Amino acid sequence: MNVLEVKVGEPVENSLAGFGEALQSAMEGQSVDPYCGIGFETMAQFVAIFTPKRWELVESLKSAGPLSIYALAKRLNRHYRNVHKDVTALMAWTVIEKDEHGLVFVPWDEIDVRWPLMRQAA
């Protein structure tokens, strides 16, 4: 299964440590499981990218399969310019890709969003 992991609020140090471990394993000749993930420092940053309209776009595109941006805009009953802007933003975050024919698609079977809540000091 192709899973994109989205983490909110995880310290950069944790991601770097995971990368370091994977790099060390690869350098030692061990196999490394592929990992696809993106992260955001705060929930505010996350919701600036993943708006409700963009989630709707992702769901619609996943169910329809590869489409032109024009066809996607028609499917969503939205203006082409706005859909193009959303597709461009989601491509920058690896949520959507473009195939060799210029059609956009969602390569993921699942998008796993995690937001661990911090405990307050007593």
PDB file of N, CA and C in Angstrom:
ATOM      1  N   MET A   1       0.848  -1.170   0.000  1.00  0.00           N
ATOM      2  CA  MET A   1       0.000   0.000   0.000  1.00  0.00           C
ATOM      3  C   MET A   1       0.897   1.237   0.000  1.00  0.00           C
ATOM      4  N   ASN A   2       0.547   2.201  -0.804  1.00  0.00           N
ATOM      5  CA  ASN A   2       1.268   3.461  -0.929  1.00  0.00           C
ATOM      6  C   ASN A   2       0.703   4.456   0.081  1.00  0.00           C
ATOM      7  N   VAL A   3       1.479   4.813   1.104  1.00  0.00           N
ATOM      8  CA  VAL A   3       0.991   5.687   2.165  1.00  0.00           C
ATOM      9  C   VAL A   3       1.864   6.936   2.255  1.00  0.00           C
ATOM     10  N   LEU A   4       1.213   8.093   2.293  1.00  0.00           N
ATOM     11  CA  LEU A   4       1.902   9.351   2.553  1.00  0.00           C
ATOM     12  C   LEU A   4       1.643   9.697   4.012  1.00  0.00           C
ATOM     13  N   GLU A   5       2.707   9.816   4.781  1.00  0.00           N
ATOM     14  CA  GLU A   5       2.574  10.182   6.190  1.00  0.00           C
ATOM     15  C   GLU A   5       2.762  11.677   6.340  1.00  0.00           C
ATOM     16  N   VAL A   6       1.780  12.310   6.958  1.00  0.00           N
ATOM     17  CA  VAL A   6       1.828  13.751   7.222  1.00  0.00           C
ATOM     18  C   VAL A   6       1.869  13.916   8.728  1.00  0.00           C
ATOM     19  N   LYS A   7       2.905  14.576   9.203  1.00  0.00           N
ATOM     20  CA  LYS A   7       3.056  14.776  10.643  1.00  0.00           C
ATOM     21  C   LYS A   7       3.005  16.262  10.958  1.00  0.00           C
ATOM     22  N   VAL A   8       2.262  16.576  12.000  1.00  0.00           N
ATOM     23  CA  VAL A   8       2.121  17.952  12.454  1.00  0.00           C
ATOM     24  C   VAL A   8       2.689  18.046  13.866  1.00  0.00           C
ATOM     25  N   GLY A   9       3.563  19.024  14.062  1.00  0.00           N
ATOM     26  CA  GLY A   9       4.078  19.286  15.396  1.00  0.00           C
ATOM     27  C   GLY A   9       5.221  18.405  15.841  1.00  0.00           C
ATOM     28  N   GLU A  10       5.769  17.606  14.952  1.00  0.00           N
ATOM     29  CA  GLU A  10       6.901  16.764  15.333  1.00  0.00           C
ATOM     30  C   GLU A  10       8.179  17.572  15.179  1.00  0.00           C
ATOM     31  N   PRO A  11       9.046  17.546  16.193  1.00  0.00           N
ATOM     32  CA  PRO A  11      10.297  18.300  16.086  1.00  0.00           C
ATOM     33  C   PRO A  11      11.143  17.822  14.902  1.00  0.00           C
ATOM     34  N   VAL A  12      11.804  18.763  14.257  1.00  0.00           N
ATOM     35  CA  VAL A  12      12.654  18.466  13.113  1.00  0.00           C
ATOM     36  C   VAL A  12      13.737  17.463  13.503  1.00  0.00           C
ATOM     37  N   GLU A  13      14.190  17.531  14.727  1.00  0.00           N
ATOM     38  CA  GLU A  13      15.240  16.626  15.196  1.00  0.00           C
ATOM     39  C   GLU A  13      14.818  15.158  15.058  1.00  0.00           C
ATOM     40  N   ASN A  14      13.538  14.868  15.308  1.00  0.00           N
ATOM     41  CA  ASN A  14      13.038  13.484  15.183  1.00  0.00           C
ATOM     42  C   ASN A  14      13.133  13.007  13.736  1.00  0.00           C
ATOM     43  N   SER A  15      12.756  13.877  12.807  1.00  0.00           N
ATOM     44  CA  SER A  15      12.833  13.516  11.390  1.00  0.00           C
ATOM     45  C   SER A  15      14.277  13.310  10.957  1.00  0.00           C
ATOM     46  N   LEU A  16      15.145  14.191  11.414  1.00  0.00           N
ATOM     47  CA  LEU A  16      16.561  14.071  11.073  1.00  0.00           C
ATOM     48  C   LEU A  16      17.166  12.796  11.657  1.00  0.00           C
ATOM     49  N   ALA A  17      16.749  12.446  12.856  1.00  0.00           N
ATOM     50  CA  ALA A  17      17.259  11.214  13.479  1.00  0.00           C
ATOM     51  C   ALA A  17      16.819   9.997  12.674  1.00  0.00           C
ATOM     52  N   GLY A  18      15.562   9.988  12.225  1.00  0.00           N
ATOM     53  CA  GLY A  18      15.074   8.884  11.402  1.00  0.00           C
ATOM     54  C   GLY A  18      15.823   8.790  10.089  1.00  0.00           C
ATOM     55  N   PHE A  19      16.090   9.928   9.481  1.00  0.00           N
ATOM     56  CA  PHE A  19      16.855   9.948   8.239  1.00  0.00           C
ATOM     57  C   PHE A  19      18.270   9.426   8.481  1.00  0.00           C
ATOM     58  N   GLY A  20      18.869   9.851   9.581  1.00  0.00           N
ATOM     59  CA  GLY A  20      20.228   9.407   9.910  1.00  0.00           C
ATOM     60  C   GLY A  20      20.306   7.901  10.096  1.00  0.00           C
ATOM     61  N   GLU A  21      19.316   7.330  10.753  1.00  0.00           N
ATOM     62  CA  GLU A  21      19.283   5.877  10.952  1.00  0.00           C
ATOM     63  C   GLU A  21      19.143   5.151   9.622  1.00  0.00           C
ATOM     64  N   ALA A  22      18.269   5.658   8.749  1.00  0.00           N
ATOM     65  CA  ALA A  22      18.078   5.034   7.437  1.00  0.00           C
ATOM     66  C   ALA A  22      19.343   5.138   6.598  1.00  0.00           C
ATOM     67  N   LEU A  23      19.996   6.281   6.646  1.00  0.00           N
ATOM     68  CA  LEU A  23      21.230   6.473   5.901  1.00  0.00           C
ATOM     69  C   LEU A  23      22.322   5.526   6.398  1.00  0.00           C
ATOM     70  N   GLN A  24      22.438   5.387   7.702  1.00  0.00           N
ATOM     71  CA  GLN A  24      23.436   4.495   8.280  1.00  0.00           C
ATOM     72  C   GLN A  24      23.174   3.047   7.854  1.00  0.00           C
ATOM     73  N   SER A  25      21.918   2.639   7.894  1.00  0.00           N
ATOM     74  CA  SER A  25      21.562   1.280   7.480  1.00  0.00           C
ATOM     75  C   SER A  25      21.905   1.050   6.007  1.00  0.00           C
ATOM     76  N   ALA A  26      21.602   2.027   5.163  1.00  0.00           N
ATOM     77  CA  ALA A  26      21.901   1.904   3.737  1.00  0.00           C
ATOM     78  C   ALA A  26      23.404   1.825   3.506  1.00  0.00           C
ATOM     79  N   MET A  27      24.164   2.629   4.240  1.00  0.00           N
ATOM     80  CA  MET A  27      25.617   2.622   4.084  1.00  0.00           C
ATOM     81  C   MET A  27      26.226   1.295   4.544  1.00  0.00           C
ATOM     82  N   GLU A  28      25.533   0.612   5.454  1.00  0.00           N
ATOM     83  CA  GLU A  28      25.995  -0.688   5.936  1.00  0.00           C
ATOM     84  C   GLU A  28      25.492  -1.824   5.056  1.00  0.00           C
ATOM     85  N   GLY A  29      24.799  -1.482   3.973  1.00  0.00           N
ATOM     86  CA  GLY A  29      24.324  -2.489   3.037  1.00  0.00           C
ATOM     87  C   GLY A  29      23.012  -3.146   3.423  1.00  0.00           C
ATOM     88  N   GLN A  30      22.362  -2.642   4.443  1.00  0.00           N
ATOM     89  CA  GLN A  30      21.079  -3.204   4.861  1.00  0.00           C
ATOM     90  C   GLN A  30      19.965  -2.602   4.005  1.00  0.00           C
ATOM     91  N   SER A  31      18.897  -3.364   3.853  1.00  0.00           N
ATOM     92  CA  SER A  31      17.773  -2.822   3.088  1.00  0.00           C
ATOM     93  C   SER A  31      17.023  -1.813   3.961  1.00  0.00           C
ATOM     94  N   VAL A  32      16.515  -0.785   3.316  1.00  0.00           N
ATOM     95  CA  VAL A  32      15.797   0.274   4.011  1.00  0.00           C
ATOM     96  C   VAL A  32      14.409   0.371   3.411  1.00  0.00           C
ATOM     97  N   ASP A  33      13.397   0.318   4.264  1.00  0.00           N
ATOM     98  CA  ASP A  33      12.029   0.453   3.782  1.00  0.00           C
ATOM     99  C   ASP A  33      11.809   1.867   3.274  1.00  0.00           C
ATOM    100  N   PRO A  34      11.153   2.002   2.130  1.00  0.00           N
ATOM    101  CA  PRO A  34      10.891   3.352   1.620  1.00  0.00           C
ATOM    102  C   PRO A  34       9.955   4.100   2.562  1.00  0.00           C
ATOM    103  N   TYR A  35      10.179   5.382   2.678  1.00  0.00           N
ATOM    104  CA  TYR A  35       9.354   6.225   3.535  1.00  0.00           C
ATOM    105  C   TYR A  35       8.961   7.469   2.755  1.00  0.00           C
ATOM    106  N   CYS A  36       7.690   7.770   2.754  1.00  0.00           N
ATOM    107  CA  CYS A  36       7.193   8.980   2.098  1.00  0.00           C
ATOM    108  C   CYS A  36       6.446   9.787   3.145  1.00  0.00           C
ATOM    109  N   GLY A  37       6.980  10.946   3.464  1.00  0.00           N
ATOM    110  CA  GLY A  37       6.338  11.755   4.484  1.00  0.00           C
ATOM    111  C   GLY A  37       6.661  13.225   4.342  1.00  0.00           C
ATOM    112  N   ILE A  38       5.773  14.027   4.879  1.00  0.00           N
ATOM    113  CA  ILE A  38       5.964  15.468   4.944  1.00  0.00           C
ATOM    114  C   ILE A  38       5.588  15.921   6.342  1.00  0.00           C
ATOM    115  N   GLY A  39       6.089  17.065   6.743  1.00  0.00           N
ATOM    116  CA  GLY A  39       5.811  17.532   8.091  1.00  0.00           C
ATOM    117  C   GLY A  39       5.555  19.027   8.155  1.00  0.00           C
ATOM    118  N   PHE A  40       4.842  19.402   9.185  1.00  0.00           N
ATOM    119  CA  PHE A  40       4.517  20.795   9.452  1.00  0.00           C
ATOM    120  C   PHE A  40       4.804  21.070  10.921  1.00  0.00           C
ATOM    121  N   GLU A  41       5.345  22.246  11.200  1.00  0.00           N
ATOM    122  CA  GLU A  41       5.639  22.609  12.578  1.00  0.00           C
ATOM    123  C   GLU A  41       4.376  22.795  13.396  1.00  0.00           C
ATOM    124  N   THR A  42       3.376  23.447  12.785  1.00  0.00           N
ATOM    125  CA  THR A  42       2.150  23.762  13.520  1.00  0.00           C
ATOM    126  C   THR A  42       0.916  23.350  12.726  1.00  0.00           C
ATOM    127  N   MET A  43      -0.196  23.246  13.430  1.00  0.00           N
ATOM    128  CA  MET A  43      -1.465  22.939  12.773  1.00  0.00           C
ATOM    129  C   MET A  43      -1.871  24.084  11.849  1.00  0.00           C
ATOM    130  N   ALA A  44      -1.527  25.305  12.199  1.00  0.00           N
ATOM    131  CA  ALA A  44      -1.845  26.453  11.343  1.00  0.00           C
ATOM    132  C   ALA A  44      -1.168  26.311   9.980  1.00  0.00           C
ATOM    133  N   GLN A  45       0.075  25.858   9.957  1.00  0.00           N
ATOM    134  CA  GLN A  45       0.771  25.644   8.691  1.00  0.00           C
ATOM    135  C   GLN A  45       0.097  24.531   7.895  1.00  0.00           C
ATOM    136  N   PHE A  46      -0.298  23.479   8.583  1.00  0.00           N
ATOM    137  CA  PHE A  46      -0.962  22.356   7.922  1.00  0.00           C
ATOM    138  C   PHE A  46      -2.263  22.797   7.252  1.00  0.00           C
ATOM    139  N   VAL A  47      -3.112  23.515   7.975  1.00  0.00           N
ATOM    140  CA  VAL A  47      -4.414  23.890   7.408  1.00  0.00           C
ATOM    141  C   VAL A  47      -4.292  24.971   6.340  1.00  0.00           C
ATOM    142  N   ALA A  48      -3.171  25.682   6.302  1.00  0.00           N
ATOM    143  CA  ALA A  48      -2.956  26.644   5.213  1.00  0.00           C
ATOM    144  C   ALA A  48      -2.753  25.916   3.890  1.00  0.00           C
ATOM    145  N   ILE A  49      -2.188  24.721   3.934  1.00  0.00           N
ATOM    146  CA  ILE A  49      -1.977  23.915   2.727  1.00  0.00           C
ATOM    147  C   ILE A  49      -3.170  22.998   2.466  1.00  0.00           C
ATOM    148  N   PHE A  50      -3.609  22.302   3.480  1.00  0.00           N
ATOM    149  CA  PHE A  50      -4.693  21.322   3.336  1.00  0.00           C
ATOM    150  C   PHE A  50      -6.032  21.944   3.711  1.00  0.00           C
ATOM    151  N   THR A  51      -6.532  22.798   2.827  1.00  0.00           N
ATOM    152  CA  THR A  51      -7.829  23.431   3.035  1.00  0.00           C
ATOM    153  C   THR A  51      -8.941  22.421   2.734  1.00  0.00           C
ATOM    154  N   PRO A  52     -10.164  22.702   3.187  1.00  0.00           N
ATOM    155  CA  PRO A  52     -11.273  21.791   2.853  1.00  0.00           C
ATOM    156  C   PRO A  52     -11.454  21.600   1.349  1.00  0.00           C
ATOM    157  N   LYS A  53     -11.304  22.645   0.553  1.00  0.00           N
ATOM    158  CA  LYS A  53     -11.447  22.521  -0.904  1.00  0.00           C
ATOM    159  C   LYS A  53     -10.361  21.614  -1.477  1.00  0.00           C
ATOM    160  N   ARG A  54      -9.160  21.678  -0.930  1.00  0.00           N
ATOM    161  CA  ARG A  54      -8.075  20.830  -1.428  1.00  0.00           C
ATOM    162  C   ARG A  54      -8.292  19.379  -1.035  1.00  0.00           C
ATOM    163  N   TRP A  55      -8.841  19.129   0.155  1.00  0.00           N
ATOM    164  CA  TRP A  55      -9.171  17.741   0.526  1.00  0.00           C
ATOM    165  C   TRP A  55     -10.234  17.197  -0.419  1.00  0.00           C
ATOM    166  N   GLU A  56     -11.229  18.027  -0.731  1.00  0.00           N
ATOM    167  CA  GLU A  56     -12.274  17.620  -1.674  1.00  0.00           C
ATOM    168  C   GLU A  56     -11.659  17.287  -3.030  1.00  0.00           C
ATOM    169  N   LEU A  57     -10.713  18.104  -3.475  1.00  0.00           N
ATOM    170  CA  LEU A  57     -10.024  17.884  -4.737  1.00  0.00           C
ATOM    171  C   LEU A  57      -9.286  16.547  -4.721  1.00  0.00           C
ATOM    172  N   VAL A  58      -8.564  16.279  -3.646  1.00  0.00           N
ATOM    173  CA  VAL A  58      -7.806  15.018  -3.534  1.00  0.00           C
ATOM    174  C   VAL A  58      -8.753  13.823  -3.591  1.00  0.00           C
ATOM    175  N   GLU A  59      -9.832  13.882  -2.836  1.00  0.00           N
ATOM    176  CA  GLU A  59     -10.794  12.770  -2.820  1.00  0.00           C
ATOM    177  C   GLU A  59     -11.419  12.556  -4.193  1.00  0.00           C
ATOM    178  N   SER A  60     -11.809  13.636  -4.844  1.00  0.00           N
ATOM    179  CA  SER A  60     -12.437  13.536  -6.163  1.00  0.00           C
ATOM    180  C   SER A  60     -11.457  12.984  -7.193  1.00  0.00           C
ATOM    181  N   LEU A  61     -10.225  13.472  -7.151  1.00  0.00           N
ATOM    182  CA  LEU A  61      -9.220  13.016  -8.104  1.00  0.00           C
ATOM    183  C   LEU A  61      -8.870  11.549  -7.865  1.00  0.00           C
ATOM    184  N   LYS A  62      -8.794  11.135  -6.623  1.00  0.00           N
ATOM    185  CA  LYS A  62      -8.482   9.732  -6.331  1.00  0.00           C
ATOM    186  C   LYS A  62      -9.588   8.819  -6.856  1.00  0.00           C
ATOM    187  N   SER A  63     -10.833   9.224  -6.676  1.00  0.00           N
ATOM    188  CA  SER A  63     -11.938   8.369  -7.132  1.00  0.00           C
ATOM    189  C   SER A  63     -12.072   8.371  -8.655  1.00  0.00           C
ATOM    190  N   ALA A  64     -11.710   9.477  -9.305  1.00  0.00           N
ATOM    191  CA  ALA A  64     -11.857   9.564 -10.761  1.00  0.00           C
ATOM    192  C   ALA A  64     -10.683   8.960 -11.511  1.00  0.00           C
ATOM    193  N   GLY A  65      -9.505   8.997 -10.916  1.00  0.00           N
ATOM    194  CA  GLY A  65      -8.307   8.583 -11.636  1.00  0.00           C
ATOM    195  C   GLY A  65      -7.699   9.784 -12.339  1.00  0.00           C
ATOM    196  N   PRO A  66      -6.636   9.581 -13.116  1.00  0.00           N
ATOM    197  CA  PRO A  66      -5.938  10.694 -13.759  1.00  0.00           C
ATOM    198  C   PRO A  66      -6.867  11.544 -14.626  1.00  0.00           C
ATOM    199  N   LEU A  67      -6.735  12.874 -14.458  1.00  0.00           N
ATOM    200  CA  LEU A  67      -7.554  13.826 -15.207  1.00  0.00           C
ATOM    201  C   LEU A  67      -6.709  15.031 -15.595  1.00  0.00           C
ATOM    202  N   SER A  68      -7.170  15.751 -16.592  1.00  0.00           N
ATOM    203  CA  SER A  68      -6.583  17.050 -16.879  1.00  0.00           C
ATOM    204  C   SER A  68      -7.102  18.016 -15.800  1.00  0.00           C
ATOM    205  N   ILE A  69      -6.405  19.103 -15.612  1.00  0.00           N
ATOM    206  CA  ILE A  69      -6.865  20.084 -14.627  1.00  0.00           C
ATOM    207  C   ILE A  69      -8.213  20.654 -15.059  1.00  0.00           C
ATOM    208  N   TYR A  70      -8.389  20.836 -16.354  1.00  0.00           N
ATOM    209  CA  TYR A  70      -9.666  21.324 -16.872  1.00  0.00           C
ATOM    210  C   TYR A  70     -10.808  20.362 -16.510  1.00  0.00           C
ATOM    211  N   ALA A  71     -10.589  19.061 -16.749  1.00  0.00           N
ATOM    212  CA  ALA A  71     -11.623  18.064 -16.436  1.00  0.00           C
ATOM    213  C   ALA A  71     -11.875  17.999 -14.932  1.00  0.00           C
ATOM    214  N   LEU A  72     -10.828  18.154 -14.146  1.00  0.00           N
ATOM    215  CA  LEU A  72     -10.983  18.148 -12.688  1.00  0.00           C
ATOM    216  C   LEU A  72     -11.801  19.357 -12.239  1.00  0.00           C
ATOM    217  N   ALA A  73     -11.529  20.519 -12.815  1.00  0.00           N
ATOM    218  CA  ALA A  73     -12.294  21.722 -12.474  1.00  0.00           C
ATOM    219  C   ALA A  73     -13.775  21.539 -12.817  1.00  0.00           C
ATOM    220  N   LYS A  74     -14.042  20.947 -13.973  1.00  0.00           N
ATOM    221  CA  LYS A  74     -15.438  20.671 -14.360  1.00  0.00           C
ATOM    222  C   LYS A  74     -16.085  19.708 -13.365  1.00  0.00           C
ATOM    223  N   ARG A  75     -15.361  18.664 -13.008  1.00  0.00           N
ATOM    224  CA  ARG A  75     -15.878  17.659 -12.070  1.00  0.00           C
ATOM    225  C   ARG A  75     -16.219  18.285 -10.724  1.00  0.00           C
ATOM    226  N   LEU A  76     -15.374  19.221 -10.288  1.00  0.00           N
ATOM    227  CA  LEU A  76     -15.568  19.872  -8.988  1.00  0.00           C
ATOM    228  C   LEU A  76     -16.503  21.078  -9.065  1.00  0.00           C
ATOM    229  N   ASN A  77     -16.874  21.465 -10.302  1.00  0.00           N
ATOM    230  CA  ASN A  77     -17.704  22.650 -10.519  1.00  0.00           C
ATOM    231  C   ASN A  77     -17.031  23.896  -9.918  1.00  0.00           C
ATOM    232  N   ARG A  78     -15.716  24.011 -10.212  1.00  0.00           N
ATOM    233  CA  ARG A  78     -14.918  25.137  -9.730  1.00  0.00           C
ATOM    234  C   ARG A  78     -14.222  25.801 -10.909  1.00  0.00           C
ATOM    235  N   HIS A  79     -13.771  27.011 -10.711  1.00  0.00           N
ATOM    236  CA  HIS A  79     -13.068  27.758 -11.750  1.00  0.00           C
ATOM    237  C   HIS A  79     -11.697  27.120 -11.987  1.00  0.00           C
ATOM    238  N   TYR A  80     -11.320  27.025 -13.262  1.00  0.00           N
ATOM    239  CA  TYR A  80     -10.046  26.402 -13.649  1.00  0.00           C
ATOM    240  C   TYR A  80      -8.870  27.013 -12.904  1.00  0.00           C
ATOM    241  N   ARG A  81      -8.808  28.332 -12.823  1.00  0.00           N
ATOM    242  CA  ARG A  81      -7.670  29.014 -12.194  1.00  0.00           C
ATOM    243  C   ARG A  81      -7.496  28.587 -10.731  1.00  0.00           C
ATOM    244  N   ASN A  82      -8.606  28.458 -10.004  1.00  0.00           N
ATOM    245  CA  ASN A  82      -8.531  28.057  -8.597  1.00  0.00           C
ATOM    246  C   ASN A  82      -8.086  26.601  -8.455  1.00  0.00           C
ATOM    247  N   VAL A  83      -8.579  25.748  -9.325  1.00  0.00           N
ATOM    248  CA  VAL A  83      -8.183  24.338  -9.288  1.00  0.00           C
ATOM    249  C   VAL A  83      -6.707  24.207  -9.656  1.00  0.00           C
ATOM    250  N   HIS A  84      -6.269  24.960 -10.658  1.00  0.00           N
ATOM    251  CA  HIS A  84      -4.860  24.939 -11.059  1.00  0.00           C
ATOM    252  C   HIS A  84      -3.971  25.360  -9.889  1.00  0.00           C
ATOM    253  N   LYS A  85      -4.362  26.398  -9.186  1.00  0.00           N
ATOM    254  CA  LYS A  85      -3.605  26.884  -8.018  1.00  0.00           C
ATOM    255  C   LYS A  85      -3.535  25.790  -6.941  1.00  0.00           C
ATOM    256  N   ASP A  86      -4.654  25.132  -6.678  1.00  0.00           N
ATOM    257  CA  ASP A  86      -4.681  24.073  -5.665  1.00  0.00           C
ATOM    258  C   ASP A  86      -3.840  22.869  -6.089  1.00  0.00           C
ATOM    259  N   VAL A  87      -3.934  22.483  -7.351  1.00  0.00           N
ATOM    260  CA  VAL A  87      -3.139  21.363  -7.856  1.00  0.00           C
ATOM    261  C   VAL A  87      -1.653  21.682  -7.738  1.00  0.00           C
ATOM    262  N   THR A  88      -1.274  22.890  -8.099  1.00  0.00           N
ATOM    263  CA  THR A  88       0.130  23.292  -8.009  1.00  0.00           C
ATOM    264  C   THR A  88       0.634  23.215  -6.573  1.00  0.00           C
ATOM    265  N   ALA A  89      -0.162  23.698  -5.636  1.00  0.00           N
ATOM    266  CA  ALA A  89       0.230  23.646  -4.219  1.00  0.00           C
ATOM    267  C   ALA A  89       0.349  22.202  -3.742  1.00  0.00           C
ATOM    268  N   LEU A  90      -0.601  21.365  -4.096  1.00  0.00           N
ATOM    269  CA  LEU A  90      -0.569  19.967  -3.653  1.00  0.00           C
ATOM    270  C   LEU A  90       0.560  19.186  -4.322  1.00  0.00           C
ATOM    271  N   MET A  91       0.917  19.552  -5.539  1.00  0.00           N
ATOM    272  CA  MET A  91       2.062  18.911  -6.190  1.00  0.00           C
ATOM    273  C   MET A  91       3.355  19.286  -5.465  1.00  0.00           C
ATOM    274  N   ALA A  92       3.448  20.518  -5.009  1.00  0.00           N
ATOM    275  CA  ALA A  92       4.648  20.954  -4.284  1.00  0.00           C
ATOM    276  C   ALA A  92       4.829  20.165  -2.988  1.00  0.00           C
ATOM    277  N   TRP A  93       3.736  19.671  -2.435  1.00  0.00           N
ATOM    278  CA  TRP A  93       3.790  18.883  -1.191  1.00  0.00           C
ATOM    279  C   TRP A  93       3.694  17.385  -1.463  1.00  0.00           C
ATOM    280  N   THR A  94       3.861  16.957  -2.695  1.00  0.00           N
ATOM    281  CA  THR A  94       3.887  15.554  -3.146  1.00  0.00           C
ATOM    282  C   THR A  94       2.574  14.797  -2.941  1.00  0.00           C
ATOM    283  N   VAL A  95       1.483  15.519  -2.808  1.00  0.00           N
ATOM    284  CA  VAL A  95       0.183  14.867  -2.621  1.00  0.00           C
ATOM    285  C   VAL A  95      -0.387  14.447  -3.964  1.00  0.00           C
ATOM    286  N   ILE A  96      -0.091  15.234  -5.001  1.00  0.00           N
ATOM    287  CA  ILE A  96      -0.561  14.977  -6.357  1.00  0.00           C
ATOM    288  C   ILE A  96       0.658  14.926  -7.265  1.00  0.00           C
ATOM    289  N   GLU A  97       0.583  14.090  -8.298  1.00  0.00           N
ATOM    290  CA  GLU A  97       1.645  14.019  -9.300  1.00  0.00           C
ATOM    291  C   GLU A  97       1.037  14.184 -10.684  1.00  0.00           C
ATOM    292  N   LYS A  98       1.906  14.420 -11.650  1.00  0.00           N
ATOM    293  CA  LYS A  98       1.480  14.557 -13.051  1.00  0.00           C
ATOM    294  C   LYS A  98       2.138  13.435 -13.839  1.00  0.00           C
ATOM    295  N   ASP A  99       1.339  12.782 -14.711  1.00  0.00           N
ATOM    296  CA  ASP A  99       1.900  11.692 -15.514  1.00  0.00           C
ATOM    297  C   ASP A  99       2.503  12.212 -16.809  1.00  0.00           C
ATOM    298  N   GLU A 100       2.999  11.302 -17.625  1.00  0.00           N
ATOM    299  CA  GLU A 100       3.685  11.684 -18.870  1.00  0.00           C
ATOM    300  C   GLU A 100       2.756  12.339 -19.890  1.00  0.00           C
ATOM    301  N   HIS A 101       1.444  12.221 -19.683  1.00  0.00           N
ATOM    302  CA  HIS A 101       0.470  12.831 -20.597  1.00  0.00           C
ATOM    303  C   HIS A 101      -0.047  14.170 -20.067  1.00  0.00           C
ATOM    304  N   GLY A 102       0.485  14.585 -18.930  1.00  0.00           N
ATOM    305  CA  GLY A 102       0.057  15.853 -18.339  1.00  0.00           C
ATOM    306  C   GLY A 102      -1.174  15.742 -17.466  1.00  0.00           C
ATOM    307  N   LEU A 103      -1.618  14.515 -17.209  1.00  0.00           N
ATOM    308  CA  LEU A 103      -2.786  14.319 -16.341  1.00  0.00           C
ATOM    309  C   LEU A 103      -2.327  14.257 -14.892  1.00  0.00           C
ATOM    310  N   VAL A 104      -3.136  14.814 -14.017  1.00  0.00           N
ATOM    311  CA  VAL A 104      -2.799  14.791 -12.589  1.00  0.00           C
ATOM    312  C   VAL A 104      -3.502  13.623 -11.914  1.00  0.00           C
ATOM    313  N   PHE A 105      -2.855  13.087 -10.884  1.00  0.00           N
ATOM    314  CA  PHE A 105      -3.417  11.945 -10.164  1.00  0.00           C
ATOM    315  C   PHE A 105      -2.879  11.922  -8.744  1.00  0.00           C
ATOM    316  N   VAL A 106      -3.562  11.168  -7.899  1.00  0.00           N
ATOM    317  CA  VAL A 106      -3.137  10.972  -6.513  1.00  0.00           C
ATOM    318  C   VAL A 106      -2.449   9.614  -6.454  1.00  0.00           C
ATOM    319  N   PRO A 107      -1.139   9.573  -6.174  1.00  0.00           N
ATOM    320  CA  PRO A 107      -0.416   8.302  -6.177  1.00  0.00           C
ATOM    321  C   PRO A 107      -0.586   7.490  -4.894  1.00  0.00           C
ATOM    322  N   TRP A 108      -1.287   8.039  -3.924  1.00  0.00           N
ATOM    323  CA  TRP A 108      -1.379   7.409  -2.605  1.00  0.00           C
ATOM    324  C   TRP A 108      -2.670   6.627  -2.443  1.00  0.00           C
ATOM    325  N   ASP A 109      -2.580   5.508  -1.730  1.00  0.00           N
ATOM    326  CA  ASP A 109      -3.771   4.755  -1.342  1.00  0.00           C
ATOM    327  C   ASP A 109      -4.329   5.305  -0.036  1.00  0.00           C
ATOM    328  N   GLU A 110      -3.443   5.944   0.718  1.00  0.00           N
ATOM    329  CA  GLU A 110      -3.826   6.456   2.025  1.00  0.00           C
ATOM    330  C   GLU A 110      -2.959   7.662   2.359  1.00  0.00           C
ATOM    331  N   ILE A 111      -3.570   8.649   3.008  1.00  0.00           N
ATOM    332  CA  ILE A 111      -2.819   9.777   3.561  1.00  0.00           C
ATOM    333  C   ILE A 111      -3.071   9.738   5.053  1.00  0.00           C
ATOM    334  N   ASP A 112      -2.010   9.497   5.796  1.00  0.00           N
ATOM    335  CA  ASP A 112      -2.088   9.327   7.243  1.00  0.00           C
ATOM    336  C   ASP A 112      -1.621  10.617   7.902  1.00  0.00           C
ATOM    337  N   VAL A 113      -2.561  11.344   8.514  1.00  0.00           N
ATOM    338  CA  VAL A 113      -2.227  12.610   9.169  1.00  0.00           C
ATOM    339  C   VAL A 113      -2.150  12.364  10.673  1.00  0.00           C
ATOM    340  N   ARG A 114      -1.004  12.729  11.249  1.00  0.00           N
ATOM    341  CA  ARG A 114      -0.804  12.552  12.688  1.00  0.00           C
ATOM    342  C   ARG A 114      -0.466  13.886  13.335  1.00  0.00           C
ATOM    343  N   TRP A 115      -1.138  14.127  14.436  1.00  0.00           N
ATOM    344  CA  TRP A 115      -0.922  15.353  15.199  1.00  0.00           C
ATOM    345  C   TRP A 115      -0.840  14.987  16.675  1.00  0.00           C
ATOM    346  N   PRO A 116       0.329  14.616  17.143  1.00  0.00           N
ATOM    347  CA  PRO A 116       0.453  14.262  18.559  1.00  0.00           C
ATOM    348  C   PRO A 116       0.279  15.507  19.427  1.00  0.00           C
ATOM    349  N   LEU A 117      -0.569  15.390  20.408  1.00  0.00           N
ATOM    350  CA  LEU A 117      -0.807  16.513  21.309  1.00  0.00           C
ATOM    351  C   LEU A 117       0.213  16.474  22.430  1.00  0.00           C
ATOM    352  N   MET A 118       0.790  17.610  22.732  1.00  0.00           N
ATOM    353  CA  MET A 118       1.802  17.703  23.773  1.00  0.00           C
ATOM    354  C   MET A 118       1.138  17.768  25.139  1.00  0.00           C
ATOM    355  N   ARG A 119       1.771  17.136  26.095  1.00  0.00           N
ATOM    356  CA  ARG A 119       1.279  17.230  27.475  1.00  0.00           C
ATOM    357  C   ARG A 119       1.776  18.529  28.089  1.00  0.00           C
ATOM    358  N   GLN A 120       0.920  19.132  28.897  1.00  0.00           N
ATOM    359  CA  GLN A 120       1.329  20.345  29.583  1.00  0.00           C
ATOM    360  C   GLN A 120       2.115  19.955  30.836  1.00  0.00           C
ATOM    361  N   ALA A 121       3.119  20.764  31.131  1.00  0.00           N
ATOM    362  CA  ALA A 121       3.911  20.515  32.339  1.00  0.00           C
ATOM    363  C   ALA A 121       3.054  20.743  33.568  1.00  0.00           C
ATOM    364  N   ALA A 122       3.246  19.900  34.567  1.00  0.00           N
ATOM    365  CA  ALA A 122       2.444  20.008  35.799  1.00  0.00           C
ATOM    366  C   ALA A 122       2.991  21.076  36.710  1.00  0.00           C
TER     367      ALA A 122
END
